[in-house]
N, C-alpha and C. Protein backbone atom coordinates (compact mmCIF):
# COMPACT_ATOMS: atom_id res chain seq x y z
N MET A 1 0.84 -1.17 0.00
CA MET A 1 0.00 0.00 0.00
C MET A 1 0.89 1.23 0.00
N SER A 2 0.60 2.16 -0.87
CA SER A 2 1.37 3.40 -0.98
C SER A 2 1.16 4.29 0.24
N SER A 3 2.19 5.06 0.57
CA SER A 3 2.05 6.00 1.69
C SER A 3 1.84 7.43 1.18
N THR A 4 1.43 7.57 -0.06
CA THR A 4 1.20 8.89 -0.65
C THR A 4 0.09 9.61 0.08
N ARG A 5 0.31 10.90 0.30
CA ARG A 5 -0.71 11.73 0.93
C ARG A 5 -1.03 12.90 0.02
N ILE A 6 -2.26 13.30 0.05
CA ILE A 6 -2.71 14.47 -0.70
C ILE A 6 -3.13 15.51 0.33
N PHE A 7 -2.69 16.75 0.15
CA PHE A 7 -2.99 17.80 1.11
C PHE A 7 -3.84 18.88 0.47
N LEU A 8 -4.77 19.40 1.24
CA LEU A 8 -5.66 20.46 0.81
C LEU A 8 -5.66 21.52 1.91
N ALA A 9 -5.32 22.76 1.58
CA ALA A 9 -5.28 23.83 2.58
C ALA A 9 -6.50 24.73 2.44
N LEU A 10 -7.18 24.95 3.55
CA LEU A 10 -8.33 25.83 3.60
C LEU A 10 -8.18 26.73 4.82
N SER A 11 -8.02 28.01 4.60
CA SER A 11 -7.89 28.97 5.70
C SER A 11 -6.82 28.51 6.66
N SER A 12 -7.15 28.28 7.92
CA SER A 12 -6.15 27.87 8.91
C SER A 12 -6.19 26.37 9.16
N THR A 13 -6.68 25.60 8.20
CA THR A 13 -6.81 24.16 8.35
C THR A 13 -6.19 23.46 7.15
N ILE A 14 -5.46 22.39 7.41
CA ILE A 14 -4.94 21.54 6.34
C ILE A 14 -5.55 20.16 6.53
N PHE A 15 -6.06 19.59 5.45
CA PHE A 15 -6.60 18.24 5.48
C PHE A 15 -5.67 17.32 4.72
N SER A 16 -5.46 16.14 5.22
CA SER A 16 -4.62 15.15 4.57
C SER A 16 -5.43 13.89 4.37
N VAL A 17 -5.32 13.28 3.19
CA VAL A 17 -5.95 11.98 2.97
C VAL A 17 -4.85 11.01 2.55
N SER A 18 -4.82 9.88 3.21
CA SER A 18 -3.79 8.88 2.92
C SER A 18 -4.31 7.90 1.88
N ALA A 19 -3.45 6.98 1.48
CA ALA A 19 -3.84 5.96 0.52
C ALA A 19 -4.93 5.05 1.10
N LEU A 20 -5.11 5.08 2.40
CA LEU A 20 -6.15 4.27 3.04
C LEU A 20 -7.48 5.01 3.09
N ASN A 21 -7.55 6.15 2.41
CA ASN A 21 -8.76 6.98 2.36
C ASN A 21 -9.21 7.45 3.73
N LYS A 22 -8.27 7.71 4.61
CA LYS A 22 -8.58 8.26 5.92
C LYS A 22 -8.14 9.72 5.93
N TRP A 23 -9.04 10.59 6.33
CA TRP A 23 -8.75 12.02 6.40
C TRP A 23 -8.18 12.36 7.76
N GLN A 24 -7.21 13.26 7.77
CA GLN A 24 -6.67 13.79 9.01
C GLN A 24 -6.70 15.30 8.91
N GLN A 25 -7.16 15.95 9.97
CA GLN A 25 -7.26 17.40 9.97
C GLN A 25 -6.15 17.99 10.83
N TYR A 26 -5.48 19.02 10.30
CA TYR A 26 -4.46 19.76 11.02
C TYR A 26 -4.94 21.20 11.13
N VAL A 27 -5.01 21.74 12.33
CA VAL A 27 -5.43 23.13 12.53
C VAL A 27 -4.26 23.88 13.15
N TYR A 28 -3.80 24.92 12.49
CA TYR A 28 -2.71 25.73 13.03
C TYR A 28 -3.29 27.10 13.38
N THR A 29 -2.82 27.66 14.49
CA THR A 29 -3.41 28.90 14.97
C THR A 29 -2.40 30.03 15.13
N ASP A 30 -1.12 29.74 15.15
CA ASP A 30 -0.13 30.78 15.44
C ASP A 30 0.48 31.37 14.17
N CYS A 31 -0.35 31.62 13.18
CA CYS A 31 0.16 32.08 11.89
C CYS A 31 -0.68 33.22 11.36
N THR A 32 -0.05 34.14 10.68
CA THR A 32 -0.77 35.27 10.12
C THR A 32 -0.97 35.11 8.61
N ILE A 33 -0.93 33.89 8.12
CA ILE A 33 -1.11 33.66 6.69
C ILE A 33 -2.51 34.10 6.27
N LYS A 34 -2.57 34.87 5.20
CA LYS A 34 -3.86 35.38 4.71
C LYS A 34 -4.62 34.26 4.02
N GLU A 35 -5.95 34.32 4.13
CA GLU A 35 -6.76 33.38 3.36
C GLU A 35 -6.52 33.69 1.89
N ARG A 36 -6.42 32.65 1.08
CA ARG A 36 -6.08 32.83 -0.32
C ARG A 36 -6.63 31.69 -1.14
N GLU A 37 -6.58 31.87 -2.43
CA GLU A 37 -6.94 30.80 -3.37
C GLU A 37 -5.86 30.73 -4.42
N GLY A 38 -5.76 29.59 -5.07
CA GLY A 38 -4.81 29.42 -6.16
C GLY A 38 -3.36 29.37 -5.72
N GLN A 39 -3.12 29.09 -4.45
CA GLN A 39 -1.74 29.01 -3.96
C GLN A 39 -1.09 27.70 -4.41
N ALA A 40 0.24 27.71 -4.47
CA ALA A 40 0.99 26.49 -4.70
C ALA A 40 1.27 25.88 -3.32
N GLY A 41 1.23 24.59 -3.23
CA GLY A 41 1.51 23.93 -1.96
C GLY A 41 2.25 22.63 -2.20
N ALA A 42 3.17 22.32 -1.33
CA ALA A 42 3.95 21.09 -1.48
C ALA A 42 4.26 20.52 -0.10
N TYR A 43 4.20 19.20 0.01
CA TYR A 43 4.51 18.51 1.26
C TYR A 43 5.96 18.05 1.21
N VAL A 44 6.70 18.33 2.29
CA VAL A 44 8.09 17.91 2.41
C VAL A 44 8.13 16.78 3.43
N SER A 45 8.26 15.54 2.96
CA SER A 45 8.14 14.38 3.84
C SER A 45 9.25 14.28 4.88
N GLN A 46 10.46 14.75 4.55
CA GLN A 46 11.58 14.64 5.49
C GLN A 46 11.34 15.47 6.75
N THR A 47 10.73 16.63 6.60
CA THR A 47 10.52 17.53 7.74
C THR A 47 9.06 17.61 8.17
N LYS A 48 8.19 16.91 7.46
CA LYS A 48 6.74 16.93 7.72
C LYS A 48 6.20 18.36 7.70
N GLU A 49 6.63 19.10 6.68
CA GLU A 49 6.17 20.47 6.50
C GLU A 49 5.33 20.59 5.24
N TYR A 50 4.40 21.51 5.28
CA TYR A 50 3.59 21.86 4.13
C TYR A 50 3.98 23.28 3.73
N LEU A 51 4.45 23.47 2.51
CA LEU A 51 4.87 24.78 2.02
C LEU A 51 3.73 25.41 1.24
N VAL A 52 3.51 26.69 1.46
CA VAL A 52 2.46 27.44 0.77
C VAL A 52 3.11 28.65 0.10
N PHE A 53 2.98 28.75 -1.23
CA PHE A 53 3.55 29.87 -1.97
C PHE A 53 2.47 30.62 -2.74
N GLY A 54 2.49 31.94 -2.62
CA GLY A 54 1.67 32.81 -3.47
C GLY A 54 0.18 32.57 -3.36
N GLY A 55 -0.48 32.81 -4.46
CA GLY A 55 -1.93 32.71 -4.52
C GLY A 55 -2.54 34.09 -4.68
N MET A 56 -3.83 34.14 -4.49
CA MET A 56 -4.56 35.38 -4.68
C MET A 56 -5.46 35.62 -3.48
N VAL A 57 -5.49 36.86 -2.99
CA VAL A 57 -6.44 37.25 -1.95
C VAL A 57 -7.52 38.10 -2.60
N LEU A 58 -8.68 38.10 -2.00
CA LEU A 58 -9.81 38.87 -2.52
C LEU A 58 -10.01 40.12 -1.67
N ASN A 59 -10.63 41.12 -2.25
CA ASN A 59 -11.00 42.36 -1.55
C ASN A 59 -9.84 43.04 -0.88
N PRO A 60 -8.96 43.73 -1.52
CA PRO A 60 -8.94 43.88 -2.97
C PRO A 60 -8.19 42.72 -3.61
N ASP A 61 -8.47 42.46 -4.87
CA ASP A 61 -7.78 41.39 -5.59
C ASP A 61 -6.29 41.69 -5.63
N ALA A 62 -5.50 40.75 -5.18
CA ALA A 62 -4.04 40.93 -5.20
C ALA A 62 -3.38 39.56 -5.27
N TYR A 63 -2.34 39.47 -6.08
CA TYR A 63 -1.56 38.24 -6.16
C TYR A 63 -0.36 38.36 -5.23
N LEU A 64 0.05 37.25 -4.65
CA LEU A 64 1.08 37.22 -3.62
C LEU A 64 2.32 36.47 -4.09
N ASN A 65 3.45 36.75 -3.45
CA ASN A 65 4.66 35.96 -3.70
C ASN A 65 5.35 35.64 -2.36
N ASP A 66 4.54 35.41 -1.35
CA ASP A 66 5.08 35.05 -0.04
C ASP A 66 5.20 33.54 0.07
N LEU A 67 5.98 33.09 1.04
CA LEU A 67 6.19 31.66 1.24
C LEU A 67 6.10 31.35 2.72
N TYR A 68 5.27 30.36 3.06
CA TYR A 68 5.08 29.91 4.44
C TYR A 68 5.43 28.44 4.55
N SER A 69 5.85 28.07 5.74
CA SER A 69 6.09 26.67 6.09
C SER A 69 5.21 26.34 7.28
N ILE A 70 4.43 25.27 7.17
CA ILE A 70 3.59 24.82 8.27
C ILE A 70 4.08 23.43 8.67
N ASN A 71 4.62 23.32 9.88
CA ASN A 71 5.11 22.03 10.39
C ASN A 71 3.90 21.23 10.87
N LEU A 72 3.67 20.08 10.26
CA LEU A 72 2.48 19.30 10.59
C LEU A 72 2.64 18.49 11.86
N SER A 73 3.85 18.42 12.42
CA SER A 73 4.06 17.76 13.71
C SER A 73 3.76 18.72 14.86
N THR A 74 4.23 19.97 14.73
CA THR A 74 4.06 20.95 15.81
C THR A 74 2.93 21.94 15.53
N LEU A 75 2.44 21.98 14.29
CA LEU A 75 1.43 22.93 13.82
C LEU A 75 1.92 24.37 13.91
N LYS A 76 3.23 24.54 13.92
CA LYS A 76 3.82 25.88 13.92
C LYS A 76 3.93 26.37 12.48
N CYS A 77 3.53 27.60 12.27
CA CYS A 77 3.54 28.21 10.95
C CYS A 77 4.56 29.34 10.96
N VAL A 78 5.44 29.38 9.96
CA VAL A 78 6.49 30.38 9.88
C VAL A 78 6.50 30.99 8.48
N GLN A 79 6.57 32.31 8.41
CA GLN A 79 6.73 32.96 7.11
C GLN A 79 8.21 32.93 6.75
N LEU A 80 8.54 32.27 5.64
CA LEU A 80 9.92 32.16 5.19
C LEU A 80 10.33 33.36 4.34
N PHE A 81 9.42 33.85 3.52
CA PHE A 81 9.65 35.03 2.69
C PHE A 81 8.38 35.87 2.68
N ALA A 82 8.52 37.17 2.91
CA ALA A 82 7.39 38.09 2.71
C ALA A 82 7.26 38.39 1.23
N ASN A 83 8.40 38.48 0.54
CA ASN A 83 8.45 38.71 -0.90
C ASN A 83 9.53 37.81 -1.48
N ALA A 84 9.12 36.64 -1.92
CA ALA A 84 10.06 35.70 -2.52
C ALA A 84 10.59 36.28 -3.83
N PRO A 85 11.76 35.83 -4.28
CA PRO A 85 12.34 36.39 -5.51
C PRO A 85 11.70 35.84 -6.78
N LEU A 86 10.38 35.78 -6.79
CA LEU A 86 9.61 35.35 -7.96
C LEU A 86 8.46 36.34 -8.14
N ASN A 87 7.93 36.43 -9.35
CA ASN A 87 6.76 37.28 -9.58
C ASN A 87 5.61 36.82 -8.70
N SER A 88 4.79 37.78 -8.25
CA SER A 88 3.55 37.45 -7.54
C SER A 88 2.67 36.69 -8.52
N ARG A 89 2.01 35.64 -8.03
CA ARG A 89 1.18 34.83 -8.94
C ARG A 89 0.28 33.88 -8.17
N GLY A 90 -0.67 33.35 -8.87
CA GLY A 90 -1.56 32.32 -8.36
C GLY A 90 -1.74 31.26 -9.43
N TYR A 91 -2.28 30.14 -9.03
CA TYR A 91 -2.60 29.05 -9.96
C TYR A 91 -1.36 28.58 -10.73
N SER A 92 -0.27 28.38 -10.01
CA SER A 92 1.00 27.95 -10.60
C SER A 92 1.10 26.44 -10.63
N GLY A 93 2.01 25.96 -11.47
CA GLY A 93 2.43 24.58 -11.36
C GLY A 93 3.55 24.53 -10.33
N TYR A 94 3.67 23.46 -9.59
CA TYR A 94 4.68 23.38 -8.54
C TYR A 94 5.02 21.93 -8.24
N ALA A 95 6.21 21.72 -7.72
CA ALA A 95 6.66 20.39 -7.29
C ALA A 95 7.80 20.58 -6.31
N PHE A 96 7.95 19.66 -5.38
CA PHE A 96 9.06 19.69 -4.44
C PHE A 96 9.96 18.51 -4.74
N ASP A 97 11.25 18.77 -4.95
CA ASP A 97 12.25 17.73 -5.19
C ASP A 97 12.93 17.45 -3.85
N SER A 98 12.61 16.33 -3.24
CA SER A 98 13.11 16.03 -1.89
C SER A 98 14.60 15.69 -1.89
N LYS A 99 15.13 15.20 -3.00
CA LYS A 99 16.56 14.88 -3.04
C LYS A 99 17.42 16.14 -3.09
N LYS A 100 16.96 17.15 -3.80
CA LYS A 100 17.72 18.40 -3.93
C LYS A 100 17.22 19.50 -2.99
N SER A 101 16.09 19.27 -2.32
CA SER A 101 15.44 20.28 -1.47
C SER A 101 15.11 21.54 -2.27
N PHE A 102 14.54 21.36 -3.46
CA PHE A 102 14.13 22.45 -4.33
C PHE A 102 12.60 22.48 -4.39
N LEU A 103 12.04 23.68 -4.31
CA LEU A 103 10.63 23.88 -4.60
C LEU A 103 10.58 24.56 -5.97
N TYR A 104 10.00 23.90 -6.95
CA TYR A 104 9.88 24.44 -8.30
C TYR A 104 8.51 25.11 -8.44
N ILE A 105 8.51 26.33 -8.93
CA ILE A 105 7.27 27.06 -9.20
C ILE A 105 7.30 27.41 -10.68
N HIS A 106 6.23 27.09 -11.41
CA HIS A 106 6.22 27.35 -12.86
C HIS A 106 4.94 28.06 -13.26
N SER A 107 5.11 29.15 -14.00
CA SER A 107 4.00 29.90 -14.60
C SER A 107 3.01 30.38 -13.55
N GLY A 108 1.79 30.67 -13.97
CA GLY A 108 0.73 31.13 -13.09
C GLY A 108 0.18 32.47 -13.53
N TRP A 109 -1.00 32.81 -13.01
CA TRP A 109 -1.66 34.08 -13.34
C TRP A 109 -1.12 35.18 -12.45
N THR A 110 -0.88 36.35 -13.04
CA THR A 110 -0.34 37.48 -12.29
C THR A 110 -1.33 38.63 -12.17
N GLY A 111 -2.54 38.44 -12.60
CA GLY A 111 -3.57 39.47 -12.50
C GLY A 111 -3.82 40.16 -13.83
N GLY A 112 -4.99 40.73 -13.98
CA GLY A 112 -5.34 41.46 -15.20
C GLY A 112 -5.34 40.59 -16.44
N GLY A 113 -5.55 39.28 -16.27
CA GLY A 113 -5.55 38.38 -17.41
C GLY A 113 -4.17 38.04 -17.93
N ASN A 114 -3.12 38.39 -17.18
CA ASN A 114 -1.75 38.13 -17.62
C ASN A 114 -1.23 36.81 -17.06
N LEU A 115 -0.48 36.12 -17.88
CA LEU A 115 0.12 34.85 -17.49
C LEU A 115 1.62 35.02 -17.38
N SER A 116 2.18 34.56 -16.25
CA SER A 116 3.64 34.61 -16.07
C SER A 116 4.22 33.28 -16.54
N TYR A 117 5.25 33.35 -17.36
CA TYR A 117 5.94 32.14 -17.79
C TYR A 117 7.24 31.96 -17.03
N GLN A 118 7.47 32.80 -16.02
CA GLN A 118 8.68 32.72 -15.22
C GLN A 118 8.67 31.42 -14.41
N THR A 119 9.79 30.72 -14.44
CA THR A 119 9.97 29.54 -13.61
C THR A 119 10.97 29.87 -12.54
N GLY A 120 10.68 29.46 -11.33
CA GLY A 120 11.59 29.75 -10.22
C GLY A 120 11.88 28.51 -9.42
N ILE A 121 13.00 28.53 -8.77
CA ILE A 121 13.39 27.45 -7.88
C ILE A 121 13.74 28.07 -6.54
N ILE A 122 13.11 27.60 -5.49
CA ILE A 122 13.43 28.06 -4.14
C ILE A 122 14.19 26.91 -3.49
N ILE A 123 15.41 27.17 -3.03
CA ILE A 123 16.29 26.13 -2.50
C ILE A 123 16.25 26.17 -0.98
N PHE A 124 16.03 25.02 -0.36
CA PHE A 124 16.04 24.91 1.09
C PHE A 124 17.33 24.21 1.52
N LEU A 125 18.14 24.88 2.29
CA LEU A 125 19.43 24.31 2.73
C LEU A 125 19.37 23.88 4.16
């Protein structure tokens, strides 16, 4: 049986579903992360962290380029970058390379109907 997990972030709650179709809820409270949609998210199995990059907030509409780490063991949330060195965007493609500790962010909407083709790599050392 695979140990793959799928994560879904909603406001201050992260839900995880395992290959056994069992849901687990994680609620973190010590974080100032804004509610958003279209964010990129990746699970880092070595550190049991969920990374959240960018996305869009409503009222007023704004795209973000911040990066947060949420430790799913301690439920501690930390802002890693207020302004990451990538264009603000939402609805990006993303992947985490656990061997290289790279978070890849590709493309995404930047607002006003514009699409960013910028690809970025955030390296965790």
